[in-house]
Amino acid sequence: MNETMKKLFRINLILSAIVGVLAFSSFTFSSNRQEYPYLEPHPYWCNLFYYVEFMQPRILHSCPYGLCFDETWDTCDWPDLADHGDRECRHYYL
């Protein structure tokens, strides 16, 4: 493996680790929802969302490739049609 490939591999490994930490960290959200279970959007990645149940760890899910989580309908939709709430969604995919 030449030096360029080694450097690219290291950069890819570092970026993957950073994205993994961001995606799977336990963020604290303030939610107005009172009924469980519910879906909660990821704060940074528009294609990710959490399944939340009372007194259970949140489970991270992702939309199929090319789709974003829609907060109004709690479903995955095309980025131009999805409601992102007050999030600024520039990051669609990891």
N, C-alpha and C. Protein backbone atom coordinates (compact mmCIF):
# COMPACT_ATOMS: atom_id res chain seq x y z
N MET A 1 0.85 -1.17 0.00
CA MET A 1 0.00 0.00 0.00
C MET A 1 0.90 1.24 0.00
N ASN A 2 0.67 2.15 -0.91
CA ASN A 2 1.53 3.33 -0.98
C ASN A 2 1.15 4.35 0.10
N GLU A 3 1.94 5.38 0.24
CA GLU A 3 1.75 6.37 1.30
C GLU A 3 0.43 7.14 1.17
N THR A 4 0.03 7.45 -0.05
CA THR A 4 -1.23 8.17 -0.26
C THR A 4 -2.41 7.34 0.21
N MET A 5 -2.40 6.07 -0.11
CA MET A 5 -3.48 5.19 0.32
C MET A 5 -3.51 5.07 1.84
N LYS A 6 -2.35 5.01 2.47
CA LYS A 6 -2.29 4.92 3.92
C LYS A 6 -2.87 6.18 4.57
N LYS A 7 -2.52 7.34 4.00
CA LYS A 7 -3.05 8.60 4.54
C LYS A 7 -4.56 8.67 4.37
N LEU A 8 -5.06 8.29 3.20
CA LEU A 8 -6.51 8.30 2.97
C LEU A 8 -7.22 7.33 3.91
N PHE A 9 -6.62 6.19 4.15
CA PHE A 9 -7.21 5.22 5.06
C PHE A 9 -7.28 5.79 6.47
N ARG A 10 -6.21 6.45 6.92
CA ARG A 10 -6.19 7.04 8.27
C ARG A 10 -7.24 8.14 8.39
N ILE A 11 -7.35 8.99 7.37
CA ILE A 11 -8.33 10.07 7.40
C ILE A 11 -9.74 9.49 7.46
N ASN A 12 -10.00 8.48 6.65
CA ASN A 12 -11.30 7.82 6.63
C ASN A 12 -11.61 7.20 7.99
N LEU A 13 -10.63 6.58 8.61
CA LEU A 13 -10.82 5.96 9.91
C LEU A 13 -11.14 7.00 10.97
N ILE A 14 -10.43 8.12 10.96
CA ILE A 14 -10.66 9.19 11.93
C ILE A 14 -12.05 9.80 11.73
N LEU A 15 -12.41 10.08 10.49
CA LEU A 15 -13.73 10.65 10.22
C LEU A 15 -14.85 9.69 10.61
N SER A 16 -14.66 8.42 10.37
CA SER A 16 -15.67 7.43 10.76
C SER A 16 -15.84 7.39 12.26
N ALA A 17 -14.75 7.49 12.99
CA ALA A 17 -14.82 7.49 14.45
C ALA A 17 -15.56 8.73 14.96
N ILE A 18 -15.28 9.89 14.37
CA ILE A 18 -15.94 11.12 14.79
C ILE A 18 -17.44 11.05 14.51
N VAL A 19 -17.79 10.61 13.32
CA VAL A 19 -19.20 10.50 12.96
C VAL A 19 -19.90 9.49 13.87
N GLY A 20 -19.25 8.41 14.17
CA GLY A 20 -19.84 7.41 15.07
C GLY A 20 -20.13 7.98 16.44
N VAL A 21 -19.21 8.77 16.96
CA VAL A 21 -19.42 9.38 18.27
C VAL A 21 -20.58 10.36 18.22
N LEU A 22 -20.65 11.18 17.17
CA LEU A 22 -21.74 12.14 17.05
C LEU A 22 -23.08 11.45 16.89
N ALA A 23 -23.13 10.43 16.08
CA ALA A 23 -24.40 9.76 15.79
C ALA A 23 -24.93 8.96 16.96
N PHE A 24 -24.06 8.36 17.74
CA PHE A 24 -24.52 7.46 18.78
C PHE A 24 -24.38 8.02 20.19
N SER A 25 -23.99 9.28 20.31
CA SER A 25 -23.93 9.90 21.63
C SER A 25 -25.34 10.08 22.17
N SER A 26 -25.43 10.16 23.47
CA SER A 26 -26.73 10.37 24.09
C SER A 26 -26.95 11.86 24.27
N PHE A 27 -27.68 12.47 23.35
CA PHE A 27 -27.99 13.89 23.44
C PHE A 27 -29.22 14.07 24.32
N THR A 28 -29.31 15.20 24.94
CA THR A 28 -30.49 15.52 25.73
C THR A 28 -31.39 16.42 24.90
N PHE A 29 -32.63 16.02 24.77
CA PHE A 29 -33.60 16.80 24.00
C PHE A 29 -34.69 17.28 24.94
N SER A 30 -35.25 18.40 24.62
CA SER A 30 -36.45 18.83 25.33
C SER A 30 -37.61 18.54 24.38
N SER A 31 -38.50 17.71 24.81
CA SER A 31 -39.61 17.32 23.95
C SER A 31 -40.93 17.72 24.58
N ASN A 32 -41.86 18.17 23.75
CA ASN A 32 -43.18 18.53 24.23
C ASN A 32 -44.12 17.33 24.24
N ARG A 33 -43.67 16.21 23.75
CA ARG A 33 -44.54 15.04 23.64
C ARG A 33 -44.73 14.40 25.01
N GLN A 34 -45.94 14.01 25.30
CA GLN A 34 -46.27 13.40 26.57
C GLN A 34 -46.58 11.92 26.46
N GLU A 35 -46.81 11.46 25.24
CA GLU A 35 -47.16 10.06 25.04
C GLU A 35 -45.97 9.28 24.53
N TYR A 36 -45.82 8.07 25.02
CA TYR A 36 -44.75 7.19 24.57
C TYR A 36 -45.37 6.04 23.80
N PRO A 37 -44.71 5.40 22.91
CA PRO A 37 -43.42 5.77 22.31
C PRO A 37 -43.60 6.89 21.28
N TYR A 38 -42.50 7.53 20.93
CA TYR A 38 -42.52 8.56 19.89
C TYR A 38 -41.17 8.59 19.17
N LEU A 39 -41.14 9.29 18.05
CA LEU A 39 -39.92 9.44 17.25
C LEU A 39 -39.38 10.85 17.46
N GLU A 40 -38.07 10.95 17.59
CA GLU A 40 -37.43 12.23 17.83
C GLU A 40 -36.30 12.43 16.83
N PRO A 41 -36.26 13.57 16.15
CA PRO A 41 -35.22 13.79 15.14
C PRO A 41 -33.84 13.93 15.77
N HIS A 42 -32.83 13.51 15.05
CA HIS A 42 -31.44 13.72 15.47
C HIS A 42 -31.14 15.20 15.32
N PRO A 43 -30.37 15.81 16.24
CA PRO A 43 -30.16 17.26 16.17
C PRO A 43 -29.29 17.73 15.00
N TYR A 44 -28.47 16.87 14.41
CA TYR A 44 -27.54 17.30 13.36
C TYR A 44 -27.76 16.62 12.02
N TRP A 45 -28.11 15.35 12.03
CA TRP A 45 -28.21 14.58 10.79
C TRP A 45 -29.67 14.38 10.44
N CYS A 46 -30.07 14.92 9.31
CA CYS A 46 -31.48 14.91 8.92
C CYS A 46 -32.01 13.53 8.54
N ASN A 47 -31.14 12.60 8.25
CA ASN A 47 -31.62 11.26 7.89
C ASN A 47 -31.71 10.33 9.09
N LEU A 48 -31.36 10.82 10.29
CA LEU A 48 -31.40 10.00 11.50
C LEU A 48 -32.51 10.44 12.43
N PHE A 49 -33.05 9.49 13.19
CA PHE A 49 -34.05 9.79 14.20
C PHE A 49 -34.00 8.72 15.29
N TYR A 50 -34.57 9.05 16.44
CA TYR A 50 -34.59 8.13 17.57
C TYR A 50 -36.00 7.63 17.83
N TYR A 51 -36.07 6.36 18.21
CA TYR A 51 -37.31 5.76 18.71
C TYR A 51 -37.21 5.83 20.22
N VAL A 52 -38.17 6.51 20.87
CA VAL A 52 -38.09 6.76 22.31
C VAL A 52 -39.26 6.08 23.01
N GLU A 53 -38.93 5.30 24.04
CA GLU A 53 -39.93 4.69 24.91
C GLU A 53 -39.65 5.12 26.34
N PHE A 54 -40.67 5.14 27.16
CA PHE A 54 -40.54 5.56 28.55
C PHE A 54 -39.56 4.65 29.30
N MET A 55 -38.59 5.26 29.96
CA MET A 55 -37.61 4.57 30.80
C MET A 55 -36.77 3.54 30.02
N GLN A 56 -36.58 3.75 28.73
CA GLN A 56 -35.77 2.86 27.91
C GLN A 56 -34.73 3.70 27.17
N PRO A 57 -33.59 3.11 26.82
CA PRO A 57 -32.62 3.86 26.01
C PRO A 57 -33.20 4.14 24.62
N ARG A 58 -32.87 5.30 24.10
CA ARG A 58 -33.34 5.66 22.76
C ARG A 58 -32.63 4.79 21.73
N ILE A 59 -33.33 4.45 20.66
CA ILE A 59 -32.78 3.60 19.61
C ILE A 59 -32.63 4.45 18.35
N LEU A 60 -31.41 4.52 17.85
CA LEU A 60 -31.14 5.31 16.66
C LEU A 60 -31.53 4.54 15.40
N HIS A 61 -32.26 5.22 14.50
CA HIS A 61 -32.67 4.66 13.21
C HIS A 61 -32.25 5.62 12.11
N SER A 62 -32.20 5.12 10.89
CA SER A 62 -31.89 5.99 9.76
C SER A 62 -32.92 5.79 8.66
N CYS A 63 -33.14 6.86 7.92
CA CYS A 63 -34.03 6.79 6.75
C CYS A 63 -33.28 6.11 5.61
N PRO A 64 -34.01 5.55 4.65
CA PRO A 64 -33.36 4.99 3.46
C PRO A 64 -32.57 6.07 2.73
N TYR A 65 -31.59 5.64 1.96
CA TYR A 65 -30.72 6.57 1.26
C TYR A 65 -31.52 7.56 0.41
N GLY A 66 -31.20 8.85 0.55
CA GLY A 66 -31.84 9.89 -0.22
C GLY A 66 -33.03 10.54 0.47
N LEU A 67 -33.46 10.01 1.63
CA LEU A 67 -34.60 10.56 2.33
C LEU A 67 -34.19 11.18 3.66
N CYS A 68 -35.03 12.09 4.16
CA CYS A 68 -34.80 12.77 5.44
C CYS A 68 -36.00 12.55 6.36
N PHE A 69 -35.75 12.66 7.66
CA PHE A 69 -36.82 12.48 8.63
C PHE A 69 -37.72 13.71 8.65
N ASP A 70 -39.03 13.50 8.54
CA ASP A 70 -40.02 14.57 8.56
C ASP A 70 -40.65 14.61 9.96
N GLU A 71 -40.45 15.73 10.68
CA GLU A 71 -40.94 15.86 12.05
C GLU A 71 -42.46 15.93 12.16
N THR A 72 -43.11 16.47 11.15
CA THR A 72 -44.57 16.61 11.20
C THR A 72 -45.26 15.25 11.10
N TRP A 73 -44.81 14.42 10.16
CA TRP A 73 -45.46 13.15 9.91
C TRP A 73 -44.75 11.95 10.51
N ASP A 74 -43.61 12.20 11.18
CA ASP A 74 -42.81 11.10 11.78
C ASP A 74 -42.53 9.99 10.77
N THR A 75 -42.07 10.40 9.61
CA THR A 75 -41.74 9.45 8.56
C THR A 75 -40.57 9.97 7.75
N CYS A 76 -40.05 9.18 6.85
CA CYS A 76 -38.97 9.61 5.97
C CYS A 76 -39.57 10.13 4.67
N ASP A 77 -39.01 11.24 4.19
CA ASP A 77 -39.55 11.87 2.99
C ASP A 77 -38.39 12.49 2.20
N TRP A 78 -38.68 12.95 0.99
CA TRP A 78 -37.66 13.61 0.18
C TRP A 78 -37.19 14.88 0.90
N PRO A 79 -35.91 15.22 0.81
CA PRO A 79 -35.38 16.39 1.54
C PRO A 79 -36.13 17.69 1.27
N ASP A 80 -36.57 17.91 0.05
CA ASP A 80 -37.28 19.15 -0.27
C ASP A 80 -38.69 19.19 0.33
N LEU A 81 -39.25 18.04 0.63
CA LEU A 81 -40.61 17.97 1.15
C LEU A 81 -40.67 17.78 2.65
N ALA A 82 -39.58 17.34 3.26
CA ALA A 82 -39.58 17.02 4.69
C ALA A 82 -39.55 18.28 5.54
N ASP A 83 -40.30 18.25 6.66
CA ASP A 83 -40.30 19.33 7.64
C ASP A 83 -39.16 19.07 8.61
N HIS A 84 -38.18 19.97 8.62
CA HIS A 84 -37.01 19.81 9.49
C HIS A 84 -37.16 20.56 10.80
N GLY A 85 -38.30 21.16 11.05
CA GLY A 85 -38.50 21.93 12.27
C GLY A 85 -37.56 23.12 12.29
N ASP A 86 -36.93 23.36 13.43
CA ASP A 86 -36.01 24.50 13.53
C ASP A 86 -34.56 24.09 13.28
N ARG A 87 -34.35 22.84 12.83
CA ARG A 87 -33.00 22.38 12.53
C ARG A 87 -32.58 22.87 11.16
N GLU A 88 -31.31 23.23 11.04
CA GLU A 88 -30.76 23.60 9.73
C GLU A 88 -30.09 22.35 9.17
N CYS A 89 -30.74 21.72 8.23
CA CYS A 89 -30.29 20.42 7.75
C CYS A 89 -29.44 20.56 6.50
N ARG A 90 -28.16 20.55 6.70
CA ARG A 90 -27.23 20.51 5.60
C ARG A 90 -26.61 19.13 5.48
N HIS A 91 -26.69 18.39 6.57
CA HIS A 91 -26.06 17.06 6.62
C HIS A 91 -27.13 16.00 6.41
N TYR A 92 -27.11 15.40 5.25
CA TYR A 92 -28.09 14.37 4.97
C TYR A 92 -27.57 12.98 5.24
N TYR A 93 -26.28 12.78 4.99
CA TYR A 93 -25.74 11.44 5.16
C TYR A 93 -24.36 11.48 5.76
N LEU A 94 -24.06 10.42 6.50
CA LEU A 94 -22.76 10.30 7.17
C LEU A 94 -21.70 9.95 6.17
